Amino acid sequence: MRTTALSFLFAISVGTVSWGSTQLYATYCVPSGFQGWITSFITSNSSPCQGLLTLITNSNTLYGTMAAAVFVGIFSAIRDGIESFAECECEDKKN
C-alpha cells in the first residue's frame, strides 16, 4: 500500500510542478498585454524565469515520469488487492 500511495503522490507532485511553472512563467515572466510585451524583454532573461523556462521545456519528460508513476501506482494497487485477497481467511476459499 505504501508504494501505491507514494507513486500517486509523486505523480501529483510532478504534475503540480509542471503546471505551476507554466503558470508562474506566464504570469510573471511574460505577462499579457502591451506592458507585458515591453517588460518581457527584461524579465524573460532573468535567472528565475530561465529556470522556469527550463522546467517548461522539459515538461514532456515530467509528464512521462508522471504517467510512469501513475502506472506503478495502479499496478501496486492491483498487487496489494491480490495479496490481501490471497491472505483472506474466507469461507469460500476453504471449500
PDB file of N, CA and C in Angstrom:
ATOM      1  N   MET A   1       0.824  -1.186   0.000  1.00  0.00           N
ATOM      2  CA  MET A   1       0.000   0.000   0.000  1.00  0.00           C
ATOM      3  C   MET A   1       0.871   1.255   0.000  1.00  0.00           C
ATOM      4  N   ARG A   2       2.022   1.171   0.629  1.00  0.00           N
ATOM      5  CA  ARG A   2       2.913   2.325   0.710  1.00  0.00           C
ATOM      6  C   ARG A   2       3.419   2.726  -0.678  1.00  0.00           C
ATOM      7  N   THR A   3       3.774   1.745  -1.513  1.00  0.00           N
ATOM      8  CA  THR A   3       4.254   2.028  -2.866  1.00  0.00           C
ATOM      9  C   THR A   3       3.162   2.699  -3.686  1.00  0.00           C
ATOM     10  N   THR A   4       1.933   2.246  -3.526  1.00  0.00           N
ATOM     11  CA  THR A   4       0.811   2.831  -4.254  1.00  0.00           C
ATOM     12  C   THR A   4       0.652   4.296  -3.893  1.00  0.00           C
ATOM     13  N   ALA A   5       0.618   4.596  -2.616  1.00  0.00           N
ATOM     14  CA  ALA A   5       0.435   5.972  -2.164  1.00  0.00           C
ATOM     15  C   ALA A   5       1.590   6.864  -2.607  1.00  0.00           C
ATOM     16  N   LEU A   6       2.809   6.358  -2.480  1.00  0.00           N
ATOM     17  CA  LEU A   6       3.967   7.151  -2.890  1.00  0.00           C
ATOM     18  C   LEU A   6       3.977   7.404  -4.390  1.00  0.00           C
ATOM     19  N   SER A   7       3.563   6.423  -5.168  1.00  0.00           N
ATOM     20  CA  SER A   7       3.525   6.604  -6.621  1.00  0.00           C
ATOM     21  C   SER A   7       2.526   7.672  -7.015  1.00  0.00           C
ATOM     22  N   PHE A   8       1.333   7.616  -6.436  1.00  0.00           N
ATOM     23  CA  PHE A   8       0.331   8.622  -6.754  1.00  0.00           C
ATOM     24  C   PHE A   8       0.739  10.007  -6.239  1.00  0.00           C
ATOM     25  N   LEU A   9       1.341  10.065  -5.073  1.00  0.00           N
ATOM     26  CA  LEU A   9       1.823  11.338  -4.534  1.00  0.00           C
ATOM     27  C   LEU A   9       2.909  11.927  -5.426  1.00  0.00           C
ATOM     28  N   PHE A  10       3.814  11.077  -5.909  1.00  0.00           N
ATOM     29  CA  PHE A  10       4.870  11.532  -6.804  1.00  0.00           C
ATOM     30  C   PHE A  10       4.276  12.060  -8.109  1.00  0.00           C
ATOM     31  N   ALA A  11       3.287  11.355  -8.658  1.00  0.00           N
ATOM     32  CA  ALA A  11       2.653  11.785  -9.904  1.00  0.00           C
ATOM     33  C   ALA A  11       1.969  13.132  -9.736  1.00  0.00           C
ATOM     34  N   ILE A  12       1.280  13.311  -8.635  1.00  0.00           N
ATOM     35  CA  ILE A  12       0.611  14.589  -8.377  1.00  0.00           C
ATOM     36  C   ILE A  12       1.637  15.697  -8.191  1.00  0.00           C
ATOM     37  N   SER A  13       2.727  15.417  -7.509  1.00  0.00           N
ATOM     38  CA  SER A  13       3.772  16.420  -7.300  1.00  0.00           C
ATOM     39  C   SER A  13       4.415  16.850  -8.612  1.00  0.00           C
ATOM     40  N   VAL A  14       4.733  15.884  -9.473  1.00  0.00           N
ATOM     41  CA  VAL A  14       5.362  16.198 -10.754  1.00  0.00           C
ATOM     42  C   VAL A  14       4.409  17.013 -11.629  1.00  0.00           C
ATOM     43  N   GLY A  15       3.146  16.629 -11.646  1.00  0.00           N
ATOM     44  CA  GLY A  15       2.159  17.384 -12.411  1.00  0.00           C
ATOM     45  C   GLY A  15       1.984  18.795 -11.895  1.00  0.00           C
ATOM     46  N   THR A  16       2.018  18.952 -10.590  1.00  0.00           N
ATOM     47  CA  THR A  16       1.885  20.277  -9.985  1.00  0.00           C
ATOM     48  C   THR A  16       3.084  21.158 -10.319  1.00  0.00           C
ATOM     49  N   VAL A  17       4.275  20.596 -10.281  1.00  0.00           N
ATOM     50  CA  VAL A  17       5.480  21.367 -10.628  1.00  0.00           C
ATOM     51  C   VAL A  17       5.423  21.821 -12.079  1.00  0.00           C
ATOM     52  N   SER A  18       5.037  20.938 -12.967  1.00  0.00           N
ATOM     53  CA  SER A  18       4.978  21.276 -14.390  1.00  0.00           C
ATOM     54  C   SER A  18       3.918  22.340 -14.658  1.00  0.00           C
ATOM     55  N   TRP A  19       2.736  22.135 -14.128  1.00  0.00           N
ATOM     56  CA  TRP A  19       1.650  23.105 -14.314  1.00  0.00           C
ATOM     57  C   TRP A  19       1.988  24.438 -13.641  1.00  0.00           C
ATOM     58  N   GLY A  20       2.516  24.371 -12.423  1.00  0.00           N
ATOM     59  CA  GLY A  20       2.838  25.586 -11.680  1.00  0.00           C
ATOM     60  C   GLY A  20       3.917  26.415 -12.344  1.00  0.00           C
ATOM     61  N   SER A  21       4.934  25.749 -12.902  1.00  0.00           N
ATOM     62  CA  SER A  21       5.995  26.506 -13.565  1.00  0.00           C
ATOM     63  C   SER A  21       5.461  27.222 -14.801  1.00  0.00           C
ATOM     64  N   THR A  22       4.541  26.594 -15.517  1.00  0.00           N
ATOM     65  CA  THR A  22       3.933  27.249 -16.678  1.00  0.00           C
ATOM     66  C   THR A  22       3.114  28.458 -16.251  1.00  0.00           C
ATOM     67  N   GLN A  23       2.361  28.312 -15.184  1.00  0.00           N
ATOM     68  CA  GLN A  23       1.538  29.422 -14.702  1.00  0.00           C
ATOM     69  C   GLN A  23       2.396  30.582 -14.197  1.00  0.00           C
ATOM     70  N   LEU A  24       3.457  30.266 -13.453  1.00  0.00           N
ATOM     71  CA  LEU A  24       4.342  31.318 -12.957  1.00  0.00           C
ATOM     72  C   LEU A  24       5.040  32.042 -14.097  1.00  0.00           C
ATOM     73  N   TYR A  25       5.498  31.286 -15.100  1.00  0.00           N
ATOM     74  CA  TYR A  25       6.184  31.903 -16.235  1.00  0.00           C
ATOM     75  C   TYR A  25       5.232  32.829 -16.988  1.00  0.00           C
ATOM     76  N   ALA A  26       4.013  32.381 -17.207  1.00  0.00           N
ATOM     77  CA  ALA A  26       3.038  33.198 -17.936  1.00  0.00           C
ATOM     78  C   ALA A  26       2.640  34.436 -17.143  1.00  0.00           C
ATOM     79  N   THR A  27       2.580  34.323 -15.838  1.00  0.00           N
ATOM     80  CA  THR A  27       2.143  35.449 -15.015  1.00  0.00           C
ATOM     81  C   THR A  27       3.236  36.478 -14.786  1.00  0.00           C
ATOM     82  N   TYR A  28       4.432  36.031 -14.441  1.00  0.00           N
ATOM     83  CA  TYR A  28       5.484  36.955 -14.025  1.00  0.00           C
ATOM     84  C   TYR A  28       6.560  37.230 -15.079  1.00  0.00           C
ATOM     85  N   CYS A  29       6.811  36.294 -15.958  1.00  0.00           N
ATOM     86  CA  CYS A  29       7.904  36.484 -16.913  1.00  0.00           C
ATOM     87  C   CYS A  29       7.422  37.077 -18.235  1.00  0.00           C
ATOM     88  N   VAL A  30       6.277  36.670 -18.693  1.00  0.00           N
ATOM     89  CA  VAL A  30       5.728  37.200 -19.953  1.00  0.00           C
ATOM     90  C   VAL A  30       4.244  37.519 -19.755  1.00  0.00           C
ATOM     91  N   PRO A  31       3.950  38.549 -18.955  1.00  0.00           N
ATOM     92  CA  PRO A  31       2.544  38.879 -18.710  1.00  0.00           C
ATOM     93  C   PRO A  31       1.846  39.334 -19.996  1.00  0.00           C
ATOM     94  N   SER A  32       0.542  39.226 -19.999  1.00  0.00           N
ATOM     95  CA  SER A  32      -0.221  39.600 -21.190  1.00  0.00           C
ATOM     96  C   SER A  32      -0.333  41.112 -21.319  1.00  0.00           C
ATOM     97  N   GLY A  33      -0.693  41.551 -22.483  1.00  0.00           N
ATOM     98  CA  GLY A  33      -0.892  42.972 -22.746  1.00  0.00           C
ATOM     99  C   GLY A  33       0.364  43.653 -23.263  1.00  0.00           C
ATOM    100  N   PHE A  34       0.207  44.911 -23.619  1.00  0.00           N
ATOM    101  CA  PHE A  34       1.319  45.681 -24.172  1.00  0.00           C
ATOM    102  C   PHE A  34       2.431  45.878 -23.153  1.00  0.00           C
ATOM    103  N   GLN A  35       2.051  46.173 -21.922  1.00  0.00           N
ATOM    104  CA  GLN A  35       3.068  46.339 -20.873  1.00  0.00           C
ATOM    105  C   GLN A  35       3.848  45.046 -20.663  1.00  0.00           C
ATOM    106  N   GLY A  36       3.182  43.920 -20.724  1.00  0.00           N
ATOM    107  CA  GLY A  36       3.860  42.636 -20.607  1.00  0.00           C
ATOM    108  C   GLY A  36       4.817  42.398 -21.760  1.00  0.00           C
ATOM    109  N   TRP A  37       4.418  42.848 -22.957  1.00  0.00           N
ATOM    110  CA  TRP A  37       5.277  42.694 -24.120  1.00  0.00           C
ATOM    111  C   TRP A  37       6.570  43.494 -23.920  1.00  0.00           C
ATOM    112  N   ILE A  38       6.446  44.690 -23.371  1.00  0.00           N
ATOM    113  CA  ILE A  38       7.622  45.535 -23.119  1.00  0.00           C
ATOM    114  C   ILE A  38       8.486  44.943 -22.003  1.00  0.00           C
ATOM    115  N   THR A  39       7.875  44.568 -20.891  1.00  0.00           N
ATOM    116  CA  THR A  39       8.662  44.083 -19.751  1.00  0.00           C
ATOM    117  C   THR A  39       9.236  42.690 -19.980  1.00  0.00           C
ATOM    118  N   SER A  40       8.646  41.917 -20.897  1.00  0.00           N
ATOM    119  CA  SER A  40       9.148  40.563 -21.115  1.00  0.00           C
ATOM    120  C   SER A  40      10.562  40.553 -21.689  1.00  0.00           C
ATOM    121  N   PHE A  41      10.978  41.657 -22.324  1.00  0.00           N
ATOM    122  CA  PHE A  41      12.358  41.725 -22.810  1.00  0.00           C
ATOM    123  C   PHE A  41      13.356  41.657 -21.661  1.00  0.00           C
ATOM    124  N   ILE A  42      12.961  42.184 -20.524  1.00  0.00           N
ATOM    125  CA  ILE A  42      13.839  42.193 -19.351  1.00  0.00           C
ATOM    126  C   ILE A  42      13.597  40.965 -18.478  1.00  0.00           C
ATOM    127  N   THR A  43      12.326  40.706 -18.171  1.00  0.00           N
ATOM    128  CA  THR A  43      12.023  39.641 -17.202  1.00  0.00           C
ATOM    129  C   THR A  43      12.296  38.243 -17.737  1.00  0.00           C
ATOM    130  N   SER A  44      12.101  38.019 -19.017  1.00  0.00           N
ATOM    131  CA  SER A  44      12.277  36.656 -19.529  1.00  0.00           C
ATOM    132  C   SER A  44      13.733  36.207 -19.517  1.00  0.00           C
ATOM    133  N   ASN A  45      14.675  37.140 -19.399  1.00  0.00           N
ATOM    134  CA  ASN A  45      16.089  36.782 -19.328  1.00  0.00           C
ATOM    135  C   ASN A  45      16.624  36.688 -17.909  1.00  0.00           C
ATOM    136  N   SER A  46      15.761  36.879 -16.923  1.00  0.00           N
ATOM    137  CA  SER A  46      16.209  36.782 -15.535  1.00  0.00           C
ATOM    138  C   SER A  46      16.430  35.308 -15.173  1.00  0.00           C
ATOM    139  N   SER A  47      17.224  35.081 -14.157  1.00  0.00           N
ATOM    140  CA  SER A  47      17.541  33.708 -13.742  1.00  0.00           C
ATOM    141  C   SER A  47      16.306  32.907 -13.322  1.00  0.00           C
ATOM    142  N   PRO A  48      15.396  33.482 -12.511  1.00  0.00           N
ATOM    143  CA  PRO A  48      14.209  32.700 -12.147  1.00  0.00           C
ATOM    144  C   PRO A  48      13.367  32.314 -13.365  1.00  0.00           C
ATOM    145  N   CYS A  49      13.228  33.243 -14.299  1.00  0.00           N
ATOM    146  CA  CYS A  49      12.428  32.944 -15.487  1.00  0.00           C
ATOM    147  C   CYS A  49      13.123  31.927 -16.388  1.00  0.00           C
ATOM    148  N   GLN A  50      14.440  31.975 -16.449  1.00  0.00           N
ATOM    149  CA  GLN A  50      15.163  30.970 -17.222  1.00  0.00           C
ATOM    150  C   GLN A  50      15.002  29.582 -16.596  1.00  0.00           C
ATOM    151  N   GLY A  51      14.992  29.528 -15.270  1.00  0.00           N
ATOM    152  CA  GLY A  51      14.760  28.259 -14.582  1.00  0.00           C
ATOM    153  C   GLY A  51      13.366  27.710 -14.850  1.00  0.00           C
ATOM    154  N   LEU A  52      12.376  28.600 -14.807  1.00  0.00           N
ATOM    155  CA  LEU A  52      11.013  28.171 -15.120  1.00  0.00           C
ATOM    156  C   LEU A  52      10.907  27.696 -16.562  1.00  0.00           C
ATOM    157  N   LEU A  53      11.566  28.399 -17.474  1.00  0.00           N
ATOM    158  CA  LEU A  53      11.528  28.003 -18.878  1.00  0.00           C
ATOM    159  C   LEU A  53      12.186  26.639 -19.087  1.00  0.00           C
ATOM    160  N   THR A  54      13.222  26.356 -18.326  1.00  0.00           N
ATOM    161  CA  THR A  54      13.853  25.037 -18.408  1.00  0.00           C
ATOM    162  C   THR A  54      12.883  23.946 -17.959  1.00  0.00           C
ATOM    163  N   LEU A  55      12.146  24.205 -16.873  1.00  0.00           N
ATOM    164  CA  LEU A  55      11.145  23.237 -16.425  1.00  0.00           C
ATOM    165  C   LEU A  55      10.063  23.033 -17.483  1.00  0.00           C
ATOM    166  N   ILE A  56       9.622  24.128 -18.091  1.00  0.00           N
ATOM    167  CA  ILE A  56       8.586  24.041 -19.119  1.00  0.00           C
ATOM    168  C   ILE A  56       9.101  23.278 -20.332  1.00  0.00           C
ATOM    169  N   THR A  57      10.335  23.561 -20.730  1.00  0.00           N
ATOM    170  CA  THR A  57      10.922  22.896 -21.886  1.00  0.00           C
ATOM    171  C   THR A  57      11.025  21.389 -21.654  1.00  0.00           C
ATOM    172  N   ASN A  58      11.303  21.009 -20.429  1.00  0.00           N
ATOM    173  CA  ASN A  58      11.442  19.587 -20.104  1.00  0.00           C
ATOM    174  C   ASN A  58      10.140  18.974 -19.599  1.00  0.00           C
ATOM    175  N   SER A  59       9.031  19.655 -19.807  1.00  0.00           N
ATOM    176  CA  SER A  59       7.760  19.161 -19.272  1.00  0.00           C
ATOM    177  C   SER A  59       7.330  17.853 -19.915  1.00  0.00           C
ATOM    178  N   ASN A  60       7.746  17.592 -21.164  1.00  0.00           N
ATOM    179  CA  ASN A  60       7.389  16.298 -21.749  1.00  0.00           C
ATOM    180  C   ASN A  60       8.027  15.165 -20.965  1.00  0.00           C
ATOM    181  N   THR A  61       9.239  15.372 -20.448  1.00  0.00           N
ATOM    182  CA  THR A  61       9.878  14.369 -19.594  1.00  0.00           C
ATOM    183  C   THR A  61       9.142  14.269 -18.267  1.00  0.00           C
ATOM    184  N   LEU A  62       8.724  15.414 -17.735  1.00  0.00           N
ATOM    185  CA  LEU A  62       7.990  15.411 -16.470  1.00  0.00           C
ATOM    186  C   LEU A  62       6.670  14.665 -16.614  1.00  0.00           C
ATOM    187  N   TYR A  63       5.957  14.897 -17.705  1.00  0.00           N
ATOM    188  CA  TYR A  63       4.686  14.206 -17.896  1.00  0.00           C
ATOM    189  C   TYR A  63       4.893  12.716 -18.153  1.00  0.00           C
ATOM    190  N   GLY A  64       5.972  12.359 -18.816  1.00  0.00           N
ATOM    191  CA  GLY A  64       6.288  10.943 -18.983  1.00  0.00           C
ATOM    192  C   GLY A  64       6.563  10.281 -17.642  1.00  0.00           C
ATOM    193  N   THR A  65       7.282  10.976 -16.790  1.00  0.00           N
ATOM    194  CA  THR A  65       7.571  10.471 -15.449  1.00  0.00           C
ATOM    195  C   THR A  65       6.296  10.353 -14.636  1.00  0.00           C
ATOM    196  N   MET A  66       5.411  11.350 -14.791  1.00  0.00           N
ATOM    197  CA  MET A  66       4.151  11.327 -14.075  1.00  0.00           C
ATOM    198  C   MET A  66       3.305  10.135 -14.527  1.00  0.00           C
ATOM    199  N   ALA A  67       3.261   9.868 -15.824  1.00  0.00           N
ATOM    200  CA  ALA A  67       2.496   8.725 -16.332  1.00  0.00           C
ATOM    201  C   ALA A  67       3.070   7.411 -15.810  1.00  0.00           C
ATOM    202  N   ALA A  68       4.386   7.321 -15.771  1.00  0.00           N
ATOM    203  CA  ALA A  68       5.022   6.102 -15.244  1.00  0.00           C
ATOM    204  C   ALA A  68       4.665   5.909 -13.771  1.00  0.00           C
ATOM    205  N   ALA A  69       4.659   6.986 -13.015  1.00  0.00           N
ATOM    206  CA  ALA A  69       4.315   6.882 -11.593  1.00  0.00           C
ATOM    207  C   ALA A  69       2.863   6.452 -11.411  1.00  0.00           C
ATOM    208  N   VAL A  70       1.972   6.932 -12.262  1.00  0.00           N
ATOM    209  CA  VAL A  70       0.567   6.519 -12.182  1.00  0.00           C
ATOM    210  C   VAL A  70       0.448   5.021 -12.487  1.00  0.00           C
ATOM    211  N   PHE A  71       1.143   4.552 -13.525  1.00  0.00           N
ATOM    212  CA  PHE A  71       1.089   3.124 -13.848  1.00  0.00           C
ATOM    213  C   PHE A  71       1.647   2.273 -12.719  1.00  0.00           C
ATOM    214  N   VAL A  72       2.750   2.718 -12.109  1.00  0.00           N
ATOM    215  CA  VAL A  72       3.303   1.971 -10.976  1.00  0.00           C
ATOM    216  C   VAL A  72       2.289   1.941  -9.837  1.00  0.00           C
ATOM    217  N   GLY A  73       1.627   3.071  -9.604  1.00  0.00           N
ATOM    218  CA  GLY A  73       0.606   3.126  -8.554  1.00  0.00           C
ATOM    219  C   GLY A  73      -0.554   2.191  -8.829  1.00  0.00           C
ATOM    220  N   ILE A  74      -1.004   2.145 -10.089  1.00  0.00           N
ATOM    221  CA  ILE A  74      -2.118   1.262 -10.445  1.00  0.00           C
ATOM    222  C   ILE A  74      -1.719  -0.200 -10.267  1.00  0.00           C
ATOM    223  N   PHE A  75      -0.546  -0.560 -10.779  1.00  0.00           N
ATOM    224  CA  PHE A  75      -0.105  -1.950 -10.641  1.00  0.00           C
ATOM    225  C   PHE A  75       0.163  -2.323  -9.193  1.00  0.00           C
ATOM    226  N   SER A  76       0.651  -1.373  -8.400  1.00  0.00           N
ATOM    227  CA  SER A  76       0.860  -1.651  -6.979  1.00  0.00           C
ATOM    228  C   SER A  76      -0.471  -1.859  -6.268  1.00  0.00           C
ATOM    229  N   ALA A  77      -1.482  -1.079  -6.650  1.00  0.00           N
ATOM    230  CA  ALA A  77      -2.806  -1.245  -6.047  1.00  0.00           C
ATOM    231  C   ALA A  77      -3.396  -2.596  -6.418  1.00  0.00           C
ATOM    232  N   ILE A  78      -3.212  -3.005  -7.664  1.00  0.00           N
ATOM    233  CA  ILE A  78      -3.695  -4.321  -8.081  1.00  0.00           C
ATOM    234  C   ILE A  78      -2.976  -5.420  -7.309  1.00  0.00           C
ATOM    235  N   ARG A  79      -1.642  -5.302  -7.194  1.00  0.00           N
ATOM    236  CA  ARG A  79      -0.872  -6.295  -6.449  1.00  0.00           C
ATOM    237  C   ARG A  79      -1.320  -6.352  -4.989  1.00  0.00           C
ATOM    238  N   ASP A  80      -1.536  -5.182  -4.374  1.00  0.00           N
ATOM    239  CA  ASP A  80      -1.987  -5.152  -2.983  1.00  0.00           C
ATOM    240  C   ASP A  80      -3.348  -5.813  -2.837  1.00  0.00           C
ATOM    241  N   GLY A  81      -4.220  -5.581  -3.818  1.00  0.00           N
ATOM    242  CA  GLY A  81      -5.539  -6.213  -3.774  1.00  0.00           C
ATOM    243  C   GLY A  81      -5.451  -7.723  -3.890  1.00  0.00           C
ATOM    244  N   ILE A  82      -4.591  -8.203  -4.778  1.00  0.00           N
ATOM    245  CA  ILE A  82      -4.415  -9.647  -4.938  1.00  0.00           C
ATOM    246  C   ILE A  82      -3.818 -10.249  -3.673  1.00  0.00           C
ATOM    247  N   GLU A  83      -2.829  -9.577  -3.096  1.00  0.00           N
ATOM    248  CA  GLU A  83      -2.209 -10.096  -1.873  1.00  0.00           C
ATOM    249  C   GLU A  83      -3.194 -10.132  -0.716  1.00  0.00           C
ATOM    250  N   SER A  84      -4.023  -9.103  -0.591  1.00  0.00           N
ATOM    251  CA  SER A  84      -4.992  -9.095   0.506  1.00  0.00           C
ATOM    252  C   SER A  84      -6.058 -10.159   0.292  1.00  0.00           C
ATOM    253  N   PHE A  85      -6.420 -10.420  -0.959  1.00  0.00           N
ATOM    254  CA  PHE A  85      -7.377 -11.489  -1.238  1.00  0.00           C
ATOM    255  C   PHE A  85      -6.761 -12.853  -0.952  1.00  0.00           C
ATOM    256  N   ALA A  86      -5.481 -13.013  -1.286  1.00  0.00           N
ATOM    257  CA  ALA A  86      -4.802 -14.284  -1.053  1.00  0.00           C
ATOM    258  C   ALA A  86      -4.659 -14.578   0.432  1.00  0.00           C
ATOM    259  N   GLU A  87      -4.548 -13.540   1.248  1.00  0.00           N
ATOM    260  CA  GLU A  87      -4.400 -13.709   2.690  1.00  0.00           C
ATOM    261  C   GLU A  87      -5.743 -13.836   3.395  1.00  0.00           C
ATOM    262  N   CYS A  88      -6.819 -13.687   2.671  1.00  0.00           N
ATOM    263  CA  CYS A  88      -8.173 -13.711   3.257  1.00  0.00           C
ATOM    264  C   CYS A  88      -8.488 -15.112   3.809  1.00  0.00           C
ATOM    265  N   GLU A  89      -9.068 -15.141   4.965  1.00  0.00           N
ATOM    266  CA  GLU A  89      -9.491 -16.412   5.577  1.00  0.00           C
ATOM    267  C   GLU A  89     -10.990 -16.566   5.356  1.00  0.00           C
ATOM    268  N   CYS A  90     -11.392 -16.503   4.119  1.00  0.00           N
ATOM    269  CA  CYS A  90     -12.807 -16.549   3.778  1.00  0.00           C
ATOM    270  C   CYS A  90     -13.318 -17.981   3.762  1.00  0.00           C
ATOM    271  N   GLU A  91     -14.614 -18.160   4.029  1.00  0.00           N
ATOM    272  CA  GLU A  91     -15.243 -19.470   3.987  1.00  0.00           C
ATOM    273  C   GLU A  91     -15.249 -20.034   2.564  1.00  0.00           C
ATOM    274  N   ASP A  92     -15.388 -19.153   1.565  1.00  0.00           N
ATOM    275  CA  ASP A  92     -15.444 -19.604   0.183  1.00  0.00           C
ATOM    276  C   ASP A  92     -14.125 -20.252  -0.246  1.00  0.00           C
ATOM    277  N   LYS A  93     -13.021 -19.783   0.277  1.00  0.00           N
ATOM    278  CA  LYS A  93     -11.726 -20.311  -0.117  1.00  0.00           C
ATOM    279  C   LYS A  93     -11.424 -21.652   0.549  1.00  0.00           C
ATOM    280  N   LYS A  94     -12.053 -21.946   1.682  1.00  0.00           N
ATOM    281  CA  LYS A  94     -11.788 -23.192   2.407  1.00  0.00           C
ATOM    282  C   LYS A  94     -12.419 -24.392   1.714  1.00  0.00           C
ATOM    283  N   ASN A  95     -13.468 -24.161   0.979  1.00  0.00           N
ATOM    284  CA  ASN A  95     -14.172 -25.274   0.317  1.00  0.00           C
ATOM    285  C   ASN A  95     -13.570 -25.619  -0.963  1.00  0.00           C
TER     286      ASN A  95
END
